[in-house]
């Protein structure tokens, strides 16, 4: 009916799989806060770990979503500096100036020691709940908010707590980039993590 019962002993990554199940099925407007923990923020942290695992040991991944403090302009300036992109922050033409995260929840990259541009950058969106279909799209983040674009076009990653098998796989992949559904998230979840709570 309307309940989920767990009868197994939670070991290894079982707890994360159950978290993903609940993050998909609970109403994230009304029920995302449980025991003073925000499920959407925890999901972003989990996806950040998965992105790093997928991109490899030299990669860096940072949360860019609304859970990170600071103005949107300051967050853009910080990430441009970390990526060694020489552009400045800009408001797109006709902007309301009310951006929260520019549609991006995390940014991952693989830097070189020479700090030159021309590096792999991946922009990620993380969606819990079941009402995310209309949000699956590539975001023109740097075109909108930086006066200079990265030399290499960024990759796009879309993380969703649902397992949708092959349903609309090609459409979704072409629309939003590399898809991490629940099964793929579990595949690249690091085996040595114990918790995803905020530090």
N, C-alpha and C. Protein backbone atom coordinates (compact mmCIF):
# COMPACT_ATOMS: atom_id res chain seq x y z
N UNK A 1 0.85 -1.19 0.00
CA UNK A 1 0.00 0.00 0.00
C UNK A 1 0.89 1.26 0.00
N UNK A 2 0.81 2.06 1.05
CA UNK A 2 1.56 3.31 1.08
C UNK A 2 2.75 3.25 2.02
N UNK A 3 3.30 2.06 2.24
CA UNK A 3 4.43 1.93 3.15
C UNK A 3 5.55 1.14 2.50
N UNK A 4 6.76 1.35 3.01
CA UNK A 4 7.92 0.58 2.60
C UNK A 4 8.47 -0.09 3.85
N UNK A 5 8.62 -1.40 3.80
CA UNK A 5 9.14 -2.15 4.93
C UNK A 5 10.51 -2.72 4.57
N UNK A 6 11.46 -2.56 5.49
CA UNK A 6 12.81 -3.07 5.27
C UNK A 6 13.09 -4.15 6.30
N UNK A 7 13.40 -5.35 5.82
CA UNK A 7 13.64 -6.47 6.73
C UNK A 7 15.08 -6.96 6.70
N UNK A 8 15.92 -6.32 5.92
CA UNK A 8 17.29 -6.80 5.85
C UNK A 8 18.20 -6.00 6.78
N UNK A 9 19.29 -6.61 7.14
CA UNK A 9 20.29 -5.93 7.95
C UNK A 9 21.06 -4.98 7.05
N UNK A 10 21.12 -3.72 7.44
CA UNK A 10 21.75 -2.72 6.58
C UNK A 10 23.27 -2.81 6.69
N UNK A 11 23.87 -3.33 5.64
CA UNK A 11 25.32 -3.45 5.58
C UNK A 11 25.81 -2.89 4.26
N UNK A 12 27.07 -2.51 4.24
CA UNK A 12 27.70 -2.00 3.02
C UNK A 12 26.85 -0.89 2.41
N UNK A 13 26.52 -1.04 1.11
CA UNK A 13 25.80 0.04 0.42
C UNK A 13 24.29 -0.13 0.41
N UNK A 14 23.76 -1.12 1.15
CA UNK A 14 22.31 -1.29 1.17
C UNK A 14 21.59 -0.04 1.63
N UNK A 15 22.17 0.63 2.62
CA UNK A 15 21.53 1.82 3.17
C UNK A 15 21.42 2.92 2.11
N UNK A 16 22.40 3.01 1.22
CA UNK A 16 22.35 4.04 0.18
C UNK A 16 21.30 3.70 -0.88
N UNK A 17 21.15 2.41 -1.17
CA UNK A 17 20.12 2.00 -2.12
C UNK A 17 18.73 2.34 -1.57
N UNK A 18 18.53 2.08 -0.29
CA UNK A 18 17.25 2.40 0.33
C UNK A 18 17.03 3.91 0.36
N UNK A 19 18.10 4.66 0.61
CA UNK A 19 18.00 6.12 0.55
C UNK A 19 17.53 6.57 -0.83
N UNK A 20 18.10 5.99 -1.88
CA UNK A 20 17.71 6.35 -3.25
C UNK A 20 16.25 5.99 -3.53
N UNK A 21 15.81 4.84 -3.03
CA UNK A 21 14.41 4.46 -3.18
C UNK A 21 13.49 5.50 -2.55
N UNK A 22 13.81 5.88 -1.32
CA UNK A 22 12.98 6.86 -0.61
C UNK A 22 13.07 8.24 -1.26
N UNK A 23 14.26 8.62 -1.72
CA UNK A 23 14.43 9.92 -2.37
C UNK A 23 13.63 10.00 -3.66
N UNK A 24 13.37 8.87 -4.26
CA UNK A 24 12.56 8.82 -5.48
C UNK A 24 11.06 8.83 -5.16
N UNK A 25 10.66 8.11 -4.11
CA UNK A 25 9.23 7.91 -3.87
C UNK A 25 8.59 8.93 -2.93
N UNK A 26 9.38 9.52 -2.02
CA UNK A 26 8.79 10.51 -1.11
C UNK A 26 8.48 11.81 -1.86
N UNK A 27 7.55 12.56 -1.34
CA UNK A 27 7.22 13.87 -1.89
C UNK A 27 8.30 14.86 -1.44
N UNK A 28 9.15 15.28 -2.37
CA UNK A 28 10.28 16.12 -1.99
C UNK A 28 9.90 17.57 -1.71
N UNK A 29 8.65 17.92 -1.95
CA UNK A 29 8.19 19.24 -1.55
C UNK A 29 7.83 19.25 -0.06
N UNK A 30 7.21 18.15 0.39
CA UNK A 30 6.68 18.11 1.75
C UNK A 30 7.49 17.23 2.70
N UNK A 31 8.19 16.22 2.16
CA UNK A 31 8.79 15.19 3.02
C UNK A 31 10.30 15.09 2.89
N UNK A 32 10.94 16.09 2.31
CA UNK A 32 12.39 15.96 2.08
C UNK A 32 13.20 16.10 3.37
N UNK A 33 12.65 16.74 4.39
CA UNK A 33 13.35 16.87 5.67
C UNK A 33 12.95 15.71 6.56
N UNK A 34 13.92 14.87 6.91
CA UNK A 34 13.69 13.73 7.81
C UNK A 34 14.79 13.73 8.86
N UNK A 35 14.40 13.73 10.14
CA UNK A 35 15.36 13.77 11.26
C UNK A 35 16.33 14.93 11.09
N UNK A 36 15.80 16.08 10.68
CA UNK A 36 16.58 17.31 10.49
C UNK A 36 17.61 17.20 9.36
N UNK A 37 17.49 16.22 8.48
CA UNK A 37 18.38 16.08 7.34
C UNK A 37 17.58 16.35 6.06
N UNK A 38 18.18 17.12 5.16
CA UNK A 38 17.54 17.47 3.90
C UNK A 38 17.94 16.44 2.85
N UNK A 39 16.97 15.68 2.35
CA UNK A 39 17.26 14.60 1.40
C UNK A 39 17.85 15.13 0.09
N UNK A 40 17.44 16.31 -0.34
CA UNK A 40 17.98 16.84 -1.60
C UNK A 40 19.45 17.21 -1.44
N UNK A 41 19.82 17.76 -0.29
CA UNK A 41 21.23 18.08 -0.04
C UNK A 41 22.06 16.81 0.08
N UNK A 42 21.53 15.80 0.76
CA UNK A 42 22.24 14.53 0.87
C UNK A 42 22.43 13.89 -0.50
N UNK A 43 21.41 13.99 -1.34
CA UNK A 43 21.50 13.43 -2.69
C UNK A 43 22.59 14.14 -3.49
N UNK A 44 22.68 15.46 -3.37
CA UNK A 44 23.74 16.20 -4.07
C UNK A 44 25.12 15.73 -3.60
N UNK A 45 25.27 15.52 -2.30
CA UNK A 45 26.56 15.05 -1.77
C UNK A 45 26.89 13.65 -2.27
N UNK A 46 25.88 12.80 -2.32
CA UNK A 46 26.07 11.45 -2.83
C UNK A 46 26.48 11.49 -4.31
N UNK A 47 25.80 12.32 -5.08
CA UNK A 47 26.11 12.44 -6.52
C UNK A 47 27.51 13.00 -6.75
N UNK A 48 27.95 13.88 -5.88
CA UNK A 48 29.30 14.43 -5.98
C UNK A 48 30.33 13.31 -5.81
N UNK A 49 30.11 12.42 -4.85
CA UNK A 49 31.01 11.28 -4.65
C UNK A 49 30.99 10.34 -5.86
N UNK A 50 29.82 10.14 -6.42
CA UNK A 50 29.67 9.27 -7.59
C UNK A 50 30.38 9.89 -8.80
N UNK A 51 30.23 11.20 -8.99
CA UNK A 51 30.90 11.87 -10.12
C UNK A 51 32.41 11.73 -10.01
N UNK A 52 32.95 11.91 -8.81
CA UNK A 52 34.39 11.75 -8.61
C UNK A 52 34.83 10.32 -8.89
N UNK A 53 34.05 9.36 -8.45
CA UNK A 53 34.37 7.97 -8.69
C UNK A 53 34.37 7.66 -10.19
N UNK A 54 33.40 8.22 -10.90
CA UNK A 54 33.27 7.98 -12.34
C UNK A 54 34.42 8.64 -13.12
N UNK A 55 34.76 9.86 -12.74
CA UNK A 55 35.78 10.60 -13.49
C UNK A 55 37.21 10.23 -13.09
N UNK A 56 37.38 9.59 -11.94
CA UNK A 56 38.70 9.10 -11.56
C UNK A 56 39.34 9.88 -10.42
N UNK A 57 40.45 9.33 -9.94
CA UNK A 57 41.08 9.84 -8.72
C UNK A 57 41.61 11.26 -8.84
N UNK A 58 41.90 11.73 -10.04
CA UNK A 58 42.43 13.09 -10.20
C UNK A 58 41.34 14.14 -10.31
N UNK A 59 40.09 13.72 -10.33
CA UNK A 59 38.99 14.67 -10.52
C UNK A 59 38.65 15.40 -9.22
N UNK A 60 38.04 16.55 -9.41
CA UNK A 60 37.53 17.37 -8.30
C UNK A 60 36.04 17.58 -8.57
N UNK A 61 35.25 17.51 -7.53
CA UNK A 61 33.82 17.77 -7.68
C UNK A 61 33.35 18.65 -6.54
N UNK A 62 32.58 19.66 -6.87
CA UNK A 62 32.06 20.57 -5.84
C UNK A 62 30.57 20.78 -6.04
N UNK A 63 29.87 20.89 -4.93
CA UNK A 63 28.45 21.21 -4.95
C UNK A 63 28.30 22.68 -5.34
N UNK A 64 27.36 22.95 -6.23
CA UNK A 64 27.10 24.32 -6.64
C UNK A 64 25.65 24.71 -6.36
N UNK A 65 24.88 23.79 -5.82
CA UNK A 65 23.46 24.00 -5.63
C UNK A 65 23.12 25.04 -4.58
N UNK A 66 21.82 25.16 -4.33
CA UNK A 66 21.32 26.19 -3.41
C UNK A 66 21.73 25.94 -1.97
N UNK A 67 22.22 24.73 -1.66
CA UNK A 67 22.64 24.44 -0.29
C UNK A 67 23.95 25.13 0.07
N UNK A 68 24.67 25.61 -0.94
CA UNK A 68 25.95 26.29 -0.70
C UNK A 68 25.69 27.77 -0.44
N UNK A 69 26.28 28.28 0.63
CA UNK A 69 26.04 29.66 1.03
C UNK A 69 26.76 30.63 0.08
N UNK A 70 26.26 31.85 0.05
CA UNK A 70 26.86 32.90 -0.78
C UNK A 70 25.92 33.30 -1.91
N UNK A 71 26.18 34.48 -2.46
CA UNK A 71 25.35 34.94 -3.58
C UNK A 71 25.70 34.14 -4.83
N UNK A 72 24.78 34.13 -5.77
CA UNK A 72 25.02 33.42 -7.02
C UNK A 72 26.25 34.01 -7.73
N UNK A 73 26.36 35.32 -7.75
CA UNK A 73 27.51 35.96 -8.41
C UNK A 73 28.83 35.52 -7.79
N UNK A 74 28.88 35.45 -6.47
CA UNK A 74 30.11 35.05 -5.80
C UNK A 74 30.45 33.59 -6.09
N UNK A 75 29.41 32.74 -6.15
CA UNK A 75 29.65 31.33 -6.44
C UNK A 75 30.19 31.15 -7.86
N UNK A 76 29.67 31.93 -8.80
CA UNK A 76 30.17 31.85 -10.18
C UNK A 76 31.63 32.33 -10.23
N UNK A 77 31.92 33.43 -9.57
CA UNK A 77 33.30 33.94 -9.54
C UNK A 77 34.26 32.91 -8.94
N UNK A 78 33.83 32.27 -7.86
CA UNK A 78 34.67 31.26 -7.20
C UNK A 78 34.97 30.09 -8.13
N UNK A 79 33.94 29.62 -8.84
CA UNK A 79 34.15 28.45 -9.69
C UNK A 79 34.98 28.81 -10.91
N UNK A 80 34.82 30.02 -11.45
CA UNK A 80 35.66 30.46 -12.57
C UNK A 80 37.13 30.50 -12.15
N UNK A 81 37.38 30.97 -10.93
CA UNK A 81 38.75 31.03 -10.42
C UNK A 81 39.32 29.62 -10.25
N UNK A 82 38.54 28.72 -9.68
CA UNK A 82 39.02 27.36 -9.45
C UNK A 82 39.28 26.62 -10.76
N UNK A 83 38.49 26.93 -11.79
CA UNK A 83 38.65 26.30 -13.09
C UNK A 83 39.70 27.01 -13.95
N UNK A 84 40.24 28.12 -13.46
CA UNK A 84 41.22 28.92 -14.20
C UNK A 84 40.65 29.42 -15.52
N UNK A 85 39.36 29.76 -15.50
CA UNK A 85 38.72 30.38 -16.66
C UNK A 85 38.82 31.88 -16.47
N UNK A 86 39.36 32.57 -17.44
CA UNK A 86 39.69 33.99 -17.29
C UNK A 86 38.50 34.92 -17.42
N UNK A 87 37.32 34.38 -17.66
CA UNK A 87 36.14 35.23 -17.80
C UNK A 87 35.70 35.85 -16.49
N UNK A 88 34.85 36.85 -16.61
CA UNK A 88 34.25 37.53 -15.46
C UNK A 88 32.77 37.15 -15.38
N UNK A 89 32.19 37.31 -14.21
CA UNK A 89 30.77 37.07 -14.06
C UNK A 89 29.99 38.07 -14.90
N UNK A 90 28.92 37.60 -15.55
CA UNK A 90 28.01 38.51 -16.24
C UNK A 90 26.58 38.05 -16.02
N UNK A 91 25.68 39.02 -15.99
CA UNK A 91 24.25 38.72 -15.99
C UNK A 91 23.81 38.61 -17.43
N UNK A 92 23.08 37.55 -17.79
CA UNK A 92 22.61 37.48 -19.18
C UNK A 92 21.63 38.60 -19.49
N UNK A 93 21.52 38.92 -20.76
CA UNK A 93 20.64 40.00 -21.20
C UNK A 93 19.21 39.74 -20.73
N UNK A 94 18.62 40.74 -20.10
CA UNK A 94 17.25 40.62 -19.60
C UNK A 94 17.10 39.84 -18.32
N UNK A 95 18.21 39.58 -17.64
CA UNK A 95 18.18 38.77 -16.42
C UNK A 95 17.36 39.43 -15.32
N UNK A 96 16.70 38.62 -14.53
CA UNK A 96 15.97 39.12 -13.36
C UNK A 96 16.91 39.29 -12.17
N UNK A 97 18.11 38.67 -12.25
CA UNK A 97 19.05 38.73 -11.14
C UNK A 97 18.66 37.87 -9.96
N UNK A 98 17.72 36.95 -10.17
CA UNK A 98 17.23 36.12 -9.07
C UNK A 98 17.66 34.66 -9.19
N UNK A 99 18.78 34.43 -9.88
CA UNK A 99 19.24 33.05 -10.03
C UNK A 99 19.61 32.46 -8.67
N UNK A 100 19.33 31.16 -8.52
CA UNK A 100 19.74 30.45 -7.31
C UNK A 100 21.01 29.66 -7.56
N UNK A 101 20.98 28.84 -8.62
CA UNK A 101 22.16 28.04 -8.95
C UNK A 101 22.40 27.93 -10.45
N UNK A 102 21.62 28.66 -11.24
CA UNK A 102 21.79 28.62 -12.68
C UNK A 102 21.46 27.27 -13.29
N UNK A 103 20.72 26.44 -12.56
CA UNK A 103 20.34 25.13 -13.05
C UNK A 103 21.37 24.05 -12.82
N UNK A 104 22.46 24.39 -12.14
CA UNK A 104 23.56 23.44 -11.93
C UNK A 104 23.65 23.10 -10.44
N UNK A 105 23.74 21.81 -10.13
CA UNK A 105 23.87 21.37 -8.74
C UNK A 105 25.30 21.01 -8.37
N UNK A 106 26.07 20.54 -9.33
CA UNK A 106 27.47 20.23 -9.05
C UNK A 106 28.32 20.46 -10.29
N UNK A 107 29.59 20.72 -10.07
CA UNK A 107 30.56 20.91 -11.15
C UNK A 107 31.77 20.03 -10.83
N UNK A 108 32.15 19.23 -11.82
CA UNK A 108 33.31 18.35 -11.66
C UNK A 108 34.31 18.66 -12.78
N UNK A 109 35.58 18.49 -12.47
CA UNK A 109 36.59 18.73 -13.49
C UNK A 109 37.85 17.93 -13.17
N UNK A 110 38.68 17.76 -14.20
CA UNK A 110 39.96 17.08 -14.03
C UNK A 110 41.04 18.08 -14.38
N UNK A 111 41.66 18.68 -13.38
CA UNK A 111 42.63 19.76 -13.64
C UNK A 111 43.99 19.22 -14.06
N UNK A 112 44.76 20.11 -14.68
CA UNK A 112 46.16 19.85 -14.98
C UNK A 112 47.01 20.75 -14.08
N UNK A 113 48.22 20.31 -13.78
CA UNK A 113 49.10 21.11 -12.92
C UNK A 113 49.46 22.44 -13.55
N UNK A 114 49.44 22.53 -14.90
CA UNK A 114 49.83 23.79 -15.55
C UNK A 114 48.75 24.88 -15.46
N UNK A 115 47.55 24.52 -14.92
CA UNK A 115 46.45 25.47 -14.70
C UNK A 115 45.97 26.14 -15.99
N UNK A 116 46.28 25.54 -17.13
CA UNK A 116 45.80 26.10 -18.39
C UNK A 116 44.39 25.60 -18.65
N UNK A 117 43.65 26.39 -19.45
CA UNK A 117 42.34 25.92 -19.88
C UNK A 117 42.55 24.75 -20.83
N UNK A 118 41.47 24.11 -21.21
CA UNK A 118 41.47 22.87 -22.00
C UNK A 118 41.56 21.69 -21.05
N UNK A 119 40.44 21.47 -20.36
CA UNK A 119 40.33 20.39 -19.40
C UNK A 119 38.91 19.87 -19.43
N UNK A 120 38.72 18.68 -18.93
CA UNK A 120 37.37 18.13 -18.88
C UNK A 120 36.60 18.79 -17.75
N UNK A 121 35.45 19.35 -18.09
CA UNK A 121 34.54 19.95 -17.11
C UNK A 121 33.18 19.28 -17.30
N UNK A 122 32.55 18.89 -16.22
CA UNK A 122 31.22 18.29 -16.29
C UNK A 122 30.27 19.06 -15.38
N UNK A 123 29.13 19.45 -15.92
CA UNK A 123 28.10 20.15 -15.17
C UNK A 123 27.01 19.15 -14.83
N UNK A 124 26.63 19.10 -13.56
CA UNK A 124 25.67 18.09 -13.13
C UNK A 124 24.40 18.67 -12.54
N UNK A 125 23.29 17.99 -12.83
CA UNK A 125 22.02 18.29 -12.20
C UNK A 125 21.60 17.06 -11.40
N UNK A 126 21.03 17.29 -10.21
CA UNK A 126 20.64 16.20 -9.32
C UNK A 126 19.16 16.36 -8.97
N UNK A 127 18.37 15.36 -9.29
CA UNK A 127 16.92 15.46 -9.08
C UNK A 127 16.39 14.29 -8.28
N UNK A 128 15.73 14.61 -7.17
CA UNK A 128 15.05 13.61 -6.37
C UNK A 128 13.57 13.61 -6.75
N UNK A 129 12.79 12.79 -6.07
CA UNK A 129 11.36 12.75 -6.34
C UNK A 129 11.06 12.09 -7.68
N UNK A 130 9.86 12.30 -8.16
CA UNK A 130 9.44 11.68 -9.42
C UNK A 130 9.01 12.70 -10.46
N UNK A 131 9.12 13.98 -10.15
CA UNK A 131 8.67 15.03 -11.08
C UNK A 131 9.87 15.79 -11.62
N UNK A 132 10.72 15.11 -12.40
CA UNK A 132 11.96 15.71 -12.88
C UNK A 132 12.09 15.71 -14.39
N UNK A 133 11.17 15.06 -15.09
CA UNK A 133 11.30 14.86 -16.54
C UNK A 133 11.50 16.18 -17.30
N UNK A 134 10.73 17.20 -16.96
CA UNK A 134 10.80 18.46 -17.69
C UNK A 134 12.11 19.21 -17.42
N UNK A 135 12.87 18.77 -16.44
CA UNK A 135 14.12 19.45 -16.08
C UNK A 135 15.34 18.84 -16.77
N UNK A 136 15.14 17.79 -17.54
CA UNK A 136 16.26 17.10 -18.19
C UNK A 136 16.69 17.87 -19.44
N UNK A 137 17.67 18.73 -19.27
CA UNK A 137 18.16 19.50 -20.41
C UNK A 137 19.57 19.99 -20.10
N UNK A 138 20.32 20.20 -21.15
CA UNK A 138 21.66 20.76 -20.99
C UNK A 138 21.54 22.25 -20.69
N UNK A 139 22.34 22.71 -19.75
CA UNK A 139 22.27 24.10 -19.29
C UNK A 139 23.44 24.89 -19.87
N UNK A 140 23.14 26.04 -20.49
CA UNK A 140 24.19 26.89 -21.06
C UNK A 140 24.78 27.77 -19.96
N UNK A 141 25.38 27.12 -18.98
CA UNK A 141 25.82 27.82 -17.77
C UNK A 141 26.89 28.87 -18.05
N UNK A 142 27.99 28.48 -18.68
CA UNK A 142 29.08 29.43 -18.91
C UNK A 142 28.68 30.50 -19.93
N UNK A 143 27.90 30.11 -20.94
CA UNK A 143 27.44 31.11 -21.92
C UNK A 143 26.59 32.18 -21.25
N UNK A 144 25.80 31.77 -20.27
CA UNK A 144 24.91 32.71 -19.59
C UNK A 144 25.64 33.59 -18.59
N UNK A 145 26.62 33.02 -17.86
CA UNK A 145 27.11 33.72 -16.67
C UNK A 145 28.60 34.05 -16.68
N UNK A 146 29.29 33.81 -17.79
CA UNK A 146 30.71 34.15 -17.86
C UNK A 146 31.00 34.89 -19.16
N UNK A 147 31.90 35.86 -19.10
CA UNK A 147 32.27 36.61 -20.31
C UNK A 147 33.19 35.82 -21.21
N UNK A 148 33.77 34.72 -20.71
CA UNK A 148 34.65 33.88 -21.51
C UNK A 148 34.28 32.43 -21.29
N UNK A 149 34.14 31.67 -22.36
CA UNK A 149 33.75 30.27 -22.28
C UNK A 149 34.97 29.37 -22.11
N UNK A 150 34.79 28.22 -21.49
CA UNK A 150 35.88 27.24 -21.45
C UNK A 150 36.29 26.88 -22.88
N UNK A 151 37.57 26.57 -23.08
CA UNK A 151 38.05 26.22 -24.41
C UNK A 151 37.42 24.93 -24.92
N UNK A 152 37.08 24.03 -24.00
CA UNK A 152 36.47 22.75 -24.36
C UNK A 152 35.03 22.74 -23.84
N UNK A 153 34.10 22.39 -24.72
CA UNK A 153 32.68 22.33 -24.34
C UNK A 153 32.49 21.38 -23.16
N UNK A 154 31.81 21.82 -22.10
CA UNK A 154 31.59 20.94 -20.95
C UNK A 154 30.73 19.73 -21.27
N UNK A 155 30.93 18.67 -20.52
CA UNK A 155 30.04 17.53 -20.56
C UNK A 155 28.89 17.81 -19.59
N UNK A 156 27.83 17.04 -19.73
CA UNK A 156 26.66 17.20 -18.87
C UNK A 156 26.32 15.87 -18.23
N UNK A 157 25.96 15.91 -16.97
CA UNK A 157 25.57 14.72 -16.23
C UNK A 157 24.24 14.99 -15.54
N UNK A 158 23.36 14.01 -15.58
CA UNK A 158 22.05 14.14 -14.93
C UNK A 158 21.87 12.97 -13.98
N UNK A 159 21.71 13.29 -12.69
CA UNK A 159 21.57 12.28 -11.64
C UNK A 159 20.12 12.24 -11.18
N UNK A 160 19.53 11.05 -11.18
CA UNK A 160 18.15 10.91 -10.74
C UNK A 160 18.05 9.65 -9.88
N UNK A 161 17.27 9.72 -8.82
CA UNK A 161 17.17 8.59 -7.89
C UNK A 161 16.34 7.44 -8.44
N UNK A 162 15.69 7.64 -9.55
CA UNK A 162 14.82 6.61 -10.12
C UNK A 162 15.62 5.64 -10.99
N UNK A 163 15.15 4.42 -11.07
CA UNK A 163 15.67 3.44 -12.03
C UNK A 163 14.63 3.30 -13.12
N UNK A 164 14.93 3.82 -14.33
CA UNK A 164 13.93 3.74 -15.39
C UNK A 164 14.35 2.82 -16.53
N UNK A 165 15.31 1.95 -16.29
CA UNK A 165 15.67 0.95 -17.29
C UNK A 165 15.99 1.58 -18.64
N UNK A 166 15.41 1.06 -19.71
CA UNK A 166 15.65 1.59 -21.05
C UNK A 166 14.59 2.60 -21.47
N UNK A 167 13.62 2.90 -20.61
CA UNK A 167 12.52 3.79 -20.99
C UNK A 167 13.05 5.17 -21.40
N UNK A 168 12.85 5.55 -22.64
CA UNK A 168 13.25 6.86 -23.18
C UNK A 168 14.75 7.13 -23.01
N UNK A 169 15.55 6.07 -22.97
CA UNK A 169 16.98 6.23 -22.68
C UNK A 169 17.68 7.11 -23.72
N UNK A 170 17.44 6.85 -25.00
CA UNK A 170 18.13 7.63 -26.03
C UNK A 170 17.70 9.09 -25.99
N UNK A 171 16.40 9.34 -25.91
CA UNK A 171 15.92 10.73 -25.84
C UNK A 171 16.54 11.48 -24.67
N UNK A 172 16.48 10.84 -23.51
CA UNK A 172 16.99 11.50 -22.30
C UNK A 172 18.49 11.74 -22.40
N UNK A 173 19.23 10.76 -22.92
CA UNK A 173 20.67 10.91 -23.04
C UNK A 173 21.04 12.05 -23.99
N UNK A 174 20.36 12.12 -25.12
CA UNK A 174 20.67 13.19 -26.09
C UNK A 174 20.25 14.55 -25.56
N UNK A 175 19.20 14.59 -24.75
CA UNK A 175 18.72 15.86 -24.21
C UNK A 175 19.57 16.39 -23.06
N UNK A 176 20.12 15.48 -22.24
CA UNK A 176 20.73 15.97 -20.99
C UNK A 176 22.12 15.41 -20.71
N UNK A 177 22.68 14.58 -21.58
CA UNK A 177 24.05 14.12 -21.37
C UNK A 177 24.13 12.76 -20.72
N UNK A 178 25.17 12.57 -19.92
CA UNK A 178 25.43 11.27 -19.29
C UNK A 178 24.44 11.08 -18.14
N UNK A 179 23.65 10.03 -18.25
CA UNK A 179 22.61 9.79 -17.24
C UNK A 179 23.12 8.86 -16.16
N UNK A 180 22.88 9.24 -14.92
CA UNK A 180 23.11 8.37 -13.77
C UNK A 180 21.76 8.13 -13.11
N UNK A 181 21.15 7.00 -13.44
CA UNK A 181 19.94 6.63 -12.72
C UNK A 181 20.35 5.85 -11.47
N UNK A 182 19.39 5.31 -10.75
CA UNK A 182 19.70 4.66 -9.47
C UNK A 182 20.72 3.53 -9.64
N UNK A 183 20.60 2.74 -10.71
CA UNK A 183 21.51 1.61 -10.91
C UNK A 183 22.93 2.10 -11.19
N UNK A 184 23.06 3.13 -12.02
CA UNK A 184 24.39 3.66 -12.32
C UNK A 184 25.01 4.37 -11.12
N UNK A 185 24.19 5.03 -10.34
CA UNK A 185 24.69 5.67 -9.11
C UNK A 185 25.29 4.61 -8.20
N UNK A 186 24.57 3.50 -8.02
CA UNK A 186 25.08 2.43 -7.16
C UNK A 186 26.36 1.81 -7.73
N UNK A 187 26.45 1.74 -9.06
CA UNK A 187 27.63 1.14 -9.69
C UNK A 187 28.89 1.93 -9.38
N UNK A 188 28.78 3.26 -9.30
CA UNK A 188 29.97 4.09 -9.08
C UNK A 188 30.01 4.70 -7.68
N UNK A 189 29.19 4.18 -6.77
CA UNK A 189 29.25 4.63 -5.39
C UNK A 189 30.51 4.08 -4.75
N UNK A 190 31.37 4.94 -4.20
CA UNK A 190 32.58 4.41 -3.55
C UNK A 190 32.24 3.43 -2.44
N UNK A 191 33.01 2.37 -2.34
CA UNK A 191 32.70 1.32 -1.35
C UNK A 191 33.16 1.69 0.05
N UNK A 192 33.99 2.71 0.18
CA UNK A 192 34.55 3.02 1.50
C UNK A 192 33.84 4.14 2.24
N UNK A 193 32.70 4.62 1.71
CA UNK A 193 32.03 5.71 2.42
C UNK A 193 31.09 5.14 3.46
N UNK A 194 30.95 5.85 4.56
CA UNK A 194 30.10 5.42 5.67
C UNK A 194 28.85 6.29 5.78
N UNK A 195 28.98 7.55 5.37
CA UNK A 195 27.85 8.46 5.50
C UNK A 195 27.99 9.57 4.49
N UNK A 196 26.87 10.24 4.21
CA UNK A 196 26.89 11.36 3.28
C UNK A 196 26.36 12.62 3.94
N UNK A 197 26.35 12.62 5.27
CA UNK A 197 25.87 13.79 5.98
C UNK A 197 26.79 14.98 5.73
N UNK A 198 26.24 16.16 5.89
CA UNK A 198 27.05 17.37 5.78
C UNK A 198 28.11 17.37 6.88
N UNK A 199 29.32 17.83 6.55
CA UNK A 199 30.38 17.86 7.57
C UNK A 199 30.07 18.84 8.68
